[in-house]
N, C-alpha and C. Protein backbone atom coordinates (compact mmCIF):
# COMPACT_ATOMS: atom_id res chain seq x y z
N UNK A 1 11.39 -19.53 -10.33
CA UNK A 1 11.29 -18.11 -10.60
C UNK A 1 10.04 -17.54 -9.96
N UNK A 2 10.13 -16.31 -9.59
CA UNK A 2 8.99 -15.61 -9.00
C UNK A 2 8.56 -14.48 -9.93
N UNK A 3 7.29 -14.16 -9.88
CA UNK A 3 6.79 -13.03 -10.66
C UNK A 3 7.23 -11.74 -9.99
N UNK A 4 7.60 -10.77 -10.79
CA UNK A 4 7.95 -9.45 -10.24
C UNK A 4 6.69 -8.79 -9.71
N UNK A 5 6.82 -8.12 -8.58
CA UNK A 5 5.66 -7.42 -8.04
C UNK A 5 6.00 -5.99 -7.67
N UNK A 6 7.26 -5.60 -7.82
CA UNK A 6 7.67 -4.22 -7.56
C UNK A 6 8.40 -3.72 -8.80
N UNK A 7 7.92 -2.59 -9.30
CA UNK A 7 8.49 -2.01 -10.51
C UNK A 7 8.96 -0.60 -10.23
N UNK A 8 10.08 -0.22 -10.85
CA UNK A 8 10.61 1.14 -10.69
C UNK A 8 10.75 1.79 -12.05
N UNK A 9 10.39 3.07 -12.09
CA UNK A 9 10.57 3.88 -13.29
C UNK A 9 10.97 5.26 -12.81
N UNK A 10 12.21 5.62 -13.07
CA UNK A 10 12.76 6.88 -12.60
C UNK A 10 12.56 6.99 -11.08
N UNK A 11 11.81 7.99 -10.61
CA UNK A 11 11.60 8.18 -9.17
C UNK A 11 10.25 7.65 -8.71
N UNK A 12 9.69 6.70 -9.46
CA UNK A 12 8.37 6.15 -9.13
C UNK A 12 8.50 4.64 -8.89
N UNK A 13 7.84 4.16 -7.83
CA UNK A 13 7.82 2.74 -7.51
C UNK A 13 6.38 2.27 -7.50
N UNK A 14 6.13 1.12 -8.15
CA UNK A 14 4.78 0.57 -8.21
C UNK A 14 4.83 -0.84 -7.63
N UNK A 15 4.04 -1.07 -6.58
CA UNK A 15 3.93 -2.40 -5.97
C UNK A 15 2.59 -3.00 -6.41
N UNK A 16 2.63 -4.24 -6.89
CA UNK A 16 1.43 -4.90 -7.41
C UNK A 16 1.25 -6.24 -6.72
N UNK A 17 0.02 -6.54 -6.30
CA UNK A 17 -0.32 -7.85 -5.77
C UNK A 17 -1.71 -8.19 -6.27
N UNK A 18 -1.82 -9.18 -7.12
CA UNK A 18 -3.05 -9.61 -7.78
C UNK A 18 -3.70 -8.40 -8.47
N UNK A 19 -4.76 -7.84 -7.89
CA UNK A 19 -5.40 -6.68 -8.52
C UNK A 19 -5.29 -5.43 -7.66
N UNK A 20 -4.36 -5.42 -6.72
CA UNK A 20 -4.09 -4.24 -5.89
C UNK A 20 -2.78 -3.61 -6.33
N UNK A 21 -2.74 -2.29 -6.34
CA UNK A 21 -1.55 -1.59 -6.78
C UNK A 21 -1.32 -0.36 -5.89
N UNK A 22 -0.07 -0.13 -5.55
CA UNK A 22 0.31 1.04 -4.77
C UNK A 22 1.39 1.77 -5.56
N UNK A 23 1.15 3.04 -5.86
CA UNK A 23 2.10 3.85 -6.63
C UNK A 23 2.72 4.86 -5.68
N UNK A 24 4.06 4.87 -5.62
CA UNK A 24 4.78 5.76 -4.70
C UNK A 24 5.80 6.57 -5.46
N UNK A 25 5.95 7.83 -5.08
CA UNK A 25 6.96 8.69 -5.70
C UNK A 25 6.55 10.14 -5.59
N UNK A 26 7.24 10.97 -6.34
CA UNK A 26 6.89 12.40 -6.34
C UNK A 26 5.50 12.55 -6.96
N UNK A 27 4.84 13.63 -6.62
CA UNK A 27 3.49 13.86 -7.13
C UNK A 27 3.43 13.78 -8.65
N UNK A 28 4.39 14.41 -9.33
CA UNK A 28 4.37 14.41 -10.80
C UNK A 28 4.62 13.01 -11.36
N UNK A 29 5.51 12.24 -10.73
CA UNK A 29 5.78 10.87 -11.19
C UNK A 29 4.56 9.98 -10.97
N UNK A 30 3.89 10.13 -9.85
CA UNK A 30 2.70 9.34 -9.56
C UNK A 30 1.60 9.67 -10.57
N UNK A 31 1.39 10.94 -10.83
CA UNK A 31 0.37 11.35 -11.81
C UNK A 31 0.69 10.81 -13.19
N UNK A 32 1.96 10.86 -13.58
CA UNK A 32 2.39 10.34 -14.87
C UNK A 32 2.14 8.84 -14.97
N UNK A 33 2.46 8.10 -13.91
CA UNK A 33 2.25 6.65 -13.89
C UNK A 33 0.76 6.32 -13.96
N UNK A 34 -0.06 7.05 -13.21
CA UNK A 34 -1.50 6.81 -13.23
C UNK A 34 -2.06 7.06 -14.63
N UNK A 35 -1.61 8.12 -15.27
CA UNK A 35 -2.08 8.46 -16.62
C UNK A 35 -1.70 7.36 -17.60
N UNK A 36 -0.44 6.89 -17.54
CA UNK A 36 0.02 5.85 -18.44
C UNK A 36 -0.76 4.55 -18.21
N UNK A 37 -0.93 4.16 -16.95
CA UNK A 37 -1.64 2.92 -16.64
C UNK A 37 -3.10 2.98 -17.06
N UNK A 38 -3.72 4.17 -16.94
CA UNK A 38 -5.13 4.29 -17.30
C UNK A 38 -5.35 4.17 -18.81
N UNK A 39 -4.32 4.42 -19.60
CA UNK A 39 -4.45 4.23 -21.05
C UNK A 39 -4.34 2.76 -21.42
N UNK A 40 -3.70 1.96 -20.57
CA UNK A 40 -3.50 0.54 -20.85
C UNK A 40 -4.54 -0.36 -20.19
N UNK A 41 -5.02 0.04 -19.01
CA UNK A 41 -5.92 -0.79 -18.22
C UNK A 41 -7.10 0.02 -17.70
N UNK A 42 -8.16 -0.69 -17.37
CA UNK A 42 -9.30 -0.06 -16.72
C UNK A 42 -8.99 -0.04 -15.23
N UNK A 43 -8.58 1.12 -14.71
CA UNK A 43 -8.18 1.19 -13.31
C UNK A 43 -9.16 2.04 -12.51
N UNK A 44 -9.21 1.78 -11.22
CA UNK A 44 -10.06 2.53 -10.29
C UNK A 44 -9.13 3.26 -9.33
N UNK A 45 -9.16 4.58 -9.35
CA UNK A 45 -8.31 5.38 -8.48
C UNK A 45 -9.03 5.61 -7.15
N UNK A 46 -8.39 5.21 -6.07
CA UNK A 46 -9.01 5.29 -4.75
C UNK A 46 -8.45 6.41 -3.89
N UNK A 47 -7.57 7.23 -4.44
CA UNK A 47 -7.00 8.33 -3.67
C UNK A 47 -5.77 7.90 -2.90
N UNK A 48 -5.41 8.73 -1.93
CA UNK A 48 -4.22 8.45 -1.13
C UNK A 48 -4.39 7.17 -0.33
N UNK A 49 -3.37 6.35 -0.33
CA UNK A 49 -3.43 5.05 0.34
C UNK A 49 -3.52 5.21 1.85
N UNK A 50 -4.45 4.48 2.44
CA UNK A 50 -4.58 4.43 3.89
C UNK A 50 -4.37 2.99 4.39
N UNK A 51 -4.50 2.04 3.44
CA UNK A 51 -4.34 0.63 3.77
C UNK A 51 -3.90 -0.10 2.49
N UNK A 52 -2.93 -0.99 2.61
CA UNK A 52 -2.49 -1.79 1.46
C UNK A 52 -2.13 -3.18 1.96
N UNK A 53 -2.89 -4.18 1.49
CA UNK A 53 -2.65 -5.58 1.85
C UNK A 53 -2.62 -5.80 3.36
N UNK A 54 -3.51 -5.14 4.08
CA UNK A 54 -3.60 -5.32 5.52
C UNK A 54 -2.64 -4.47 6.33
N UNK A 55 -1.87 -3.64 5.67
CA UNK A 55 -0.94 -2.74 6.37
C UNK A 55 -1.54 -1.34 6.37
N UNK A 56 -1.76 -0.79 7.56
CA UNK A 56 -2.28 0.58 7.67
C UNK A 56 -1.15 1.56 7.39
N UNK A 57 -1.47 2.61 6.64
CA UNK A 57 -0.48 3.60 6.24
C UNK A 57 -0.92 4.96 6.76
N UNK A 58 -0.08 5.59 7.56
CA UNK A 58 -0.36 6.94 8.06
C UNK A 58 0.80 7.85 7.66
N UNK A 59 0.48 8.98 7.04
CA UNK A 59 1.50 9.94 6.62
C UNK A 59 1.40 11.22 7.43
N UNK A 60 2.54 11.76 7.76
CA UNK A 60 2.63 13.09 8.36
C UNK A 60 3.48 13.91 7.41
N UNK A 61 2.81 14.61 6.51
CA UNK A 61 3.53 15.36 5.47
C UNK A 61 4.42 16.46 6.07
N UNK A 62 3.94 17.08 7.13
CA UNK A 62 4.72 18.16 7.76
C UNK A 62 6.06 17.63 8.28
N UNK A 63 6.03 16.46 8.88
CA UNK A 63 7.27 15.87 9.42
C UNK A 63 7.99 14.97 8.40
N UNK A 64 7.33 14.77 7.24
CA UNK A 64 7.88 13.91 6.18
C UNK A 64 8.15 12.49 6.69
N UNK A 65 7.11 11.93 7.38
CA UNK A 65 7.24 10.57 7.90
C UNK A 65 6.07 9.71 7.43
N UNK A 66 6.31 8.42 7.41
CA UNK A 66 5.28 7.44 7.09
C UNK A 66 5.30 6.39 8.20
N UNK A 67 4.12 6.06 8.73
CA UNK A 67 3.99 5.07 9.80
C UNK A 67 3.21 3.89 9.25
N UNK A 68 3.79 2.69 9.31
CA UNK A 68 3.14 1.47 8.85
C UNK A 68 2.78 0.61 10.05
N UNK A 69 1.57 0.04 10.04
CA UNK A 69 1.12 -0.75 11.18
C UNK A 69 0.27 -1.93 10.71
N UNK A 70 0.39 -3.05 11.41
CA UNK A 70 -0.47 -4.20 11.16
C UNK A 70 -1.36 -4.47 12.37
N UNK A 71 -1.72 -3.43 13.08
CA UNK A 71 -2.54 -3.55 14.28
C UNK A 71 -3.86 -4.27 14.05
N UNK A 72 -4.56 -3.95 12.96
CA UNK A 72 -5.84 -4.61 12.66
C UNK A 72 -5.64 -6.11 12.46
N UNK A 73 -4.58 -6.46 11.76
CA UNK A 73 -4.28 -7.87 11.51
C UNK A 73 -3.97 -8.60 12.82
N UNK A 74 -3.20 -7.96 13.68
CA UNK A 74 -2.85 -8.56 14.97
C UNK A 74 -4.10 -8.76 15.82
N UNK A 75 -5.00 -7.77 15.84
CA UNK A 75 -6.24 -7.90 16.60
C UNK A 75 -7.09 -9.05 16.05
N UNK A 76 -7.11 -9.21 14.73
CA UNK A 76 -7.85 -10.31 14.10
C UNK A 76 -7.27 -11.66 14.54
N UNK A 77 -5.94 -11.78 14.57
CA UNK A 77 -5.30 -13.02 15.01
C UNK A 77 -5.62 -13.32 16.47
N UNK A 78 -5.60 -12.30 17.30
CA UNK A 78 -5.91 -12.48 18.72
C UNK A 78 -7.31 -13.04 18.89
N UNK A 79 -8.28 -12.49 18.17
CA UNK A 79 -9.66 -12.96 18.26
C UNK A 79 -9.80 -14.36 17.66
N UNK A 80 -9.16 -14.61 16.52
CA UNK A 80 -9.25 -15.90 15.84
C UNK A 80 -8.75 -17.04 16.73
N UNK A 81 -7.65 -16.81 17.42
CA UNK A 81 -7.04 -17.86 18.23
C UNK A 81 -7.40 -17.78 19.72
N UNK A 82 -8.40 -16.97 20.06
CA UNK A 82 -8.90 -16.91 21.42
C UNK A 82 -7.87 -16.41 22.43
N UNK A 83 -7.09 -15.43 22.06
CA UNK A 83 -6.03 -14.93 22.93
C UNK A 83 -6.34 -13.57 23.53
N UNK A 84 -7.60 -13.17 23.49
CA UNK A 84 -7.96 -11.83 23.93
C UNK A 84 -7.55 -11.52 25.36
N UNK A 85 -7.67 -12.46 26.28
CA UNK A 85 -7.34 -12.21 27.67
C UNK A 85 -5.89 -12.48 28.04
N UNK A 86 -5.11 -12.92 27.08
CA UNK A 86 -3.70 -13.27 27.37
C UNK A 86 -2.84 -12.02 27.54
N UNK A 87 -1.77 -12.19 28.31
CA UNK A 87 -0.79 -11.10 28.47
C UNK A 87 0.48 -11.48 27.73
N UNK A 88 1.17 -10.50 27.18
CA UNK A 88 2.40 -10.81 26.45
C UNK A 88 3.50 -11.35 27.35
């Protein structure tokens, strides 16, 4: 068996990994979830997500799009394994 790490409540989704949490949904659902969680746990609110577990998150609210990237992680792997001068 595996531990659950993604939870859904109505139109709100909460992803949890160790002590990191990402809350996604409508503004009112996110605020409601944050309020409920803060009554149960000592949480630190960091604002809108820009990075989660090494994945960069970019939002374009006007276009209603989300762009996810692991560019930083890939650059770290390239440096770690000495592949900086290699071509794909």
